[in-house]
N, C-alpha and C. Protein backbone atom coordinates (compact mmCIF):
# COMPACT_ATOMS: atom_id res chain seq x y z
N MET A 1 64.32 -21.45 -23.28
CA MET A 1 64.09 -22.52 -24.37
C MET A 1 62.68 -22.64 -24.67
N PRO A 2 62.46 -22.43 -25.44
CA PRO A 2 61.03 -22.44 -25.91
C PRO A 2 60.10 -23.82 -26.04
N TYR A 3 58.97 -23.74 -25.29
CA TYR A 3 58.33 -24.77 -25.40
C TYR A 3 57.47 -25.18 -26.61
N ALA A 4 57.36 -26.71 -26.61
CA ALA A 4 56.92 -27.34 -28.01
C ALA A 4 55.40 -27.63 -28.09
N ASP A 5 55.08 -27.40 -26.71
CA ASP A 5 53.52 -28.27 -25.95
C ASP A 5 53.21 -27.51 -24.94
N ILE A 6 52.10 -27.37 -24.89
CA ILE A 6 51.49 -26.77 -23.47
C ILE A 6 52.01 -27.87 -22.45
N SER A 7 52.28 -29.04 -22.76
CA SER A 7 52.55 -30.26 -21.27
C SER A 7 53.69 -30.09 -21.19
N ASP A 8 54.54 -29.15 -21.56
CA ASP A 8 56.05 -28.72 -21.86
C ASP A 8 56.03 -26.97 -20.67
N LEU A 9 54.87 -26.54 -20.93
CA LEU A 9 54.91 -25.44 -19.64
C LEU A 9 55.12 -25.39 -18.29
N PRO A 10 55.36 -25.05 -17.49
CA PRO A 10 56.19 -25.18 -16.08
C PRO A 10 54.98 -25.68 -15.55
N ALA A 11 54.86 -26.14 -14.37
CA ALA A 11 53.26 -26.73 -13.61
C ALA A 11 52.72 -25.35 -12.65
N SER A 12 53.40 -24.48 -12.48
CA SER A 12 52.79 -23.13 -11.95
C SER A 12 51.86 -22.57 -13.43
N VAL A 13 52.25 -23.02 -14.48
CA VAL A 13 51.22 -22.35 -15.77
C VAL A 13 49.92 -23.51 -15.78
N ARG A 14 50.53 -24.48 -16.02
CA ARG A 14 49.31 -25.63 -16.58
C ARG A 14 48.18 -26.13 -15.39
N ASN A 15 48.83 -26.19 -13.97
CA ASN A 15 48.33 -26.35 -13.00
C ASN A 15 47.43 -24.96 -12.57
N HIS A 16 47.19 -24.16 -12.85
CA HIS A 16 46.31 -22.52 -12.44
C HIS A 16 45.60 -22.13 -14.21
N LEU A 17 46.21 -21.71 -14.80
CA LEU A 17 45.53 -21.22 -15.67
C LEU A 17 44.62 -22.07 -17.06
N PRO A 18 43.84 -22.05 -17.40
CA PRO A 18 42.39 -22.65 -18.21
C PRO A 18 43.40 -22.55 -19.80
N HIS A 19 42.58 -23.53 -20.20
CA HIS A 19 43.43 -24.13 -21.20
C HIS A 19 43.83 -23.18 -22.40
N HIS A 20 42.58 -22.19 -22.68
CA HIS A 20 42.94 -21.40 -23.34
C HIS A 20 44.08 -20.15 -23.01
N ALA A 21 43.99 -20.21 -21.92
CA ALA A 21 44.73 -19.25 -21.36
C ALA A 21 46.46 -19.93 -21.85
N GLN A 22 46.55 -21.15 -21.59
CA GLN A 22 47.42 -21.60 -21.08
C GLN A 22 48.25 -21.81 -23.09
N GLU A 23 47.42 -21.72 -24.32
CA GLU A 23 47.73 -21.30 -25.57
C GLU A 23 48.24 -20.07 -25.33
N ILE A 24 47.79 -19.28 -24.61
CA ILE A 24 48.34 -18.07 -24.75
C ILE A 24 49.83 -17.55 -23.94
N TYR A 25 49.80 -18.13 -23.50
CA TYR A 25 51.07 -18.12 -22.85
C TYR A 25 52.48 -18.93 -23.48
N LEU A 26 51.77 -19.69 -23.75
CA LEU A 26 52.89 -20.89 -24.84
C LEU A 26 53.06 -19.70 -26.28
N ALA A 27 52.17 -19.11 -26.49
CA ALA A 27 51.97 -18.04 -27.97
C ALA A 27 53.70 -17.42 -27.85
N ALA A 28 52.97 -16.31 -27.11
CA ALA A 28 53.99 -15.51 -26.45
C ALA A 28 54.98 -15.39 -26.16
N PHE A 29 55.18 -16.20 -24.72
CA PHE A 29 56.84 -16.88 -24.63
C PHE A 29 57.29 -17.49 -25.74
N ASN A 30 57.17 -17.96 -26.41
CA ASN A 30 57.90 -18.44 -27.65
C ASN A 30 58.04 -17.36 -28.39
N ASN A 31 57.05 -16.38 -28.58
CA ASN A 31 57.58 -15.38 -29.72
C ASN A 31 58.43 -14.29 -28.54
N ALA A 32 58.26 -13.91 -27.63
CA ALA A 32 59.63 -13.62 -26.94
C ALA A 32 60.50 -13.96 -26.78
N TRP A 33 60.86 -15.16 -26.69
CA TRP A 33 62.30 -15.59 -26.78
C TRP A 33 62.71 -15.64 -27.84
N GLU A 34 62.12 -15.56 -29.09
CA GLU A 34 62.98 -15.42 -30.49
C GLU A 34 63.14 -14.05 -30.32
N GLU A 35 62.25 -13.29 -29.73
CA GLU A 35 62.22 -11.81 -29.80
C GLU A 35 63.50 -11.46 -29.09
N TYR A 36 63.51 -11.73 -28.12
CA TYR A 36 64.57 -10.83 -27.33
C TYR A 36 65.97 -12.18 -26.91
N ALA A 37 66.32 -12.62 -28.56
CA ALA A 37 67.45 -13.49 -28.17
C ALA A 37 68.66 -13.20 -27.87
N ARG A 38 68.97 -11.75 -27.88
CA ARG A 38 70.32 -11.30 -27.52
C ARG A 38 70.26 -10.69 -26.29
N ARG A 39 69.04 -11.23 -25.58
CA ARG A 39 69.77 -10.35 -24.14
C ARG A 39 69.46 -12.18 -23.59
N GLU A 40 70.50 -11.48 -22.29
CA GLU A 40 70.61 -12.58 -21.01
C GLU A 40 69.83 -13.43 -20.34
N ASP A 41 69.24 -11.99 -20.53
CA ASP A 41 67.64 -13.05 -19.29
C ASP A 41 67.00 -13.04 -20.40
N ARG A 42 66.91 -13.21 -21.58
CA ARG A 42 65.35 -13.46 -21.92
C ARG A 42 64.23 -14.61 -21.81
N GLU A 43 65.04 -15.38 -20.77
CA GLU A 43 63.67 -16.24 -20.67
C GLU A 43 62.71 -15.80 -19.85
N ILE A 44 63.52 -15.01 -18.46
CA ILE A 44 62.72 -14.17 -17.63
C ILE A 44 62.15 -12.88 -17.94
N VAL A 45 62.41 -12.19 -19.85
CA VAL A 45 61.65 -11.35 -19.95
C VAL A 45 60.59 -11.99 -20.88
N ALA A 46 60.65 -13.46 -21.27
CA ALA A 46 59.88 -14.18 -22.08
C ALA A 46 58.41 -14.67 -21.34
N HIS A 47 59.29 -15.43 -20.35
CA HIS A 47 57.88 -15.55 -18.97
C HIS A 47 56.99 -14.36 -18.49
N LYS A 48 57.90 -12.81 -18.59
CA LYS A 48 56.79 -12.00 -18.29
C LYS A 48 55.95 -11.15 -19.53
N VAL A 49 56.58 -11.34 -20.51
CA VAL A 49 55.56 -11.19 -21.94
C VAL A 49 54.67 -11.67 -21.74
N ALA A 50 55.13 -13.78 -21.22
CA ALA A 50 53.79 -14.66 -21.61
C ALA A 50 52.86 -14.19 -20.48
N TRP A 51 52.86 -13.80 -19.23
CA TRP A 51 52.08 -13.15 -18.36
C TRP A 51 51.06 -11.98 -18.42
N ALA A 52 52.11 -10.82 -19.42
CA ALA A 52 51.26 -10.18 -19.48
C ALA A 52 50.02 -10.77 -20.67
N ALA A 53 50.62 -10.76 -21.83
CA ALA A 53 49.47 -11.50 -22.44
C ALA A 53 48.31 -11.88 -22.36
N VAL A 54 48.70 -12.96 -21.02
CA VAL A 54 47.46 -13.91 -20.54
C VAL A 54 46.35 -12.72 -19.62
N LYS A 55 47.08 -11.70 -19.00
CA LYS A 55 46.51 -10.90 -18.37
C LYS A 55 45.73 -10.03 -19.40
N LYS A 56 46.01 -10.17 -19.94
CA LYS A 56 45.02 -9.29 -21.31
C LYS A 56 43.69 -9.79 -21.44
N GLN A 57 43.79 -10.88 -21.47
CA GLN A 57 42.87 -11.67 -21.61
C GLN A 57 41.54 -12.29 -20.21
N TYR A 58 42.90 -12.53 -19.03
CA TYR A 58 41.89 -13.18 -18.10
C TYR A 58 42.50 -12.14 -17.01
N VAL A 59 41.85 -12.47 -15.84
CA VAL A 59 41.81 -11.76 -14.57
C VAL A 59 41.55 -13.34 -13.39
N LYS A 60 42.73 -12.56 -12.67
CA LYS A 60 42.40 -13.72 -11.25
C LYS A 60 41.54 -13.54 -10.77
N THR A 61 40.17 -14.32 -10.07
CA THR A 61 39.42 -13.99 -8.90
C THR A 61 40.03 -14.97 -7.81
N GLY A 62 40.22 -14.63 -7.41
CA GLY A 62 40.12 -15.80 -5.92
C GLY A 62 41.73 -16.57 -6.61
N LYS A 63 41.22 -17.80 -6.47
CA LYS A 63 42.49 -18.68 -7.05
C LYS A 63 42.13 -19.07 -8.80
N ASP A 64 40.79 -18.46 -9.17
CA ASP A 64 40.71 -19.10 -10.40
C ASP A 64 40.85 -17.71 -11.55
N TRP A 65 41.85 -18.35 -12.57
CA TRP A 65 41.25 -16.89 -13.63
C TRP A 65 40.24 -17.08 -14.38
N VAL A 66 39.89 -16.51 -14.87
CA VAL A 66 38.62 -16.10 -15.55
C VAL A 66 38.69 -15.17 -16.62
N GLY A 67 37.94 -15.55 -17.96
CA GLY A 67 38.40 -14.58 -18.90
C GLY A 67 37.19 -13.25 -18.70
N LYS A 68 37.71 -12.03 -19.54
CA LYS A 68 37.44 -10.54 -18.79
C LYS A 68 36.03 -10.53 -19.86
């Protein structure tokens, strides 16, 4: 299920990532959702792709995610 808005993201994403990182997550997830439409595990793959996209620009320091 693609996400229409940041407010639709899982709480684990909304409550921990900065706004810009949430935007990255949303875009990457939705793109991967379309890209892997034929896979049975596409939701799992889309979440993995989205986290990988966030980790390209952000790093977790303690409890906070900060830009690289």
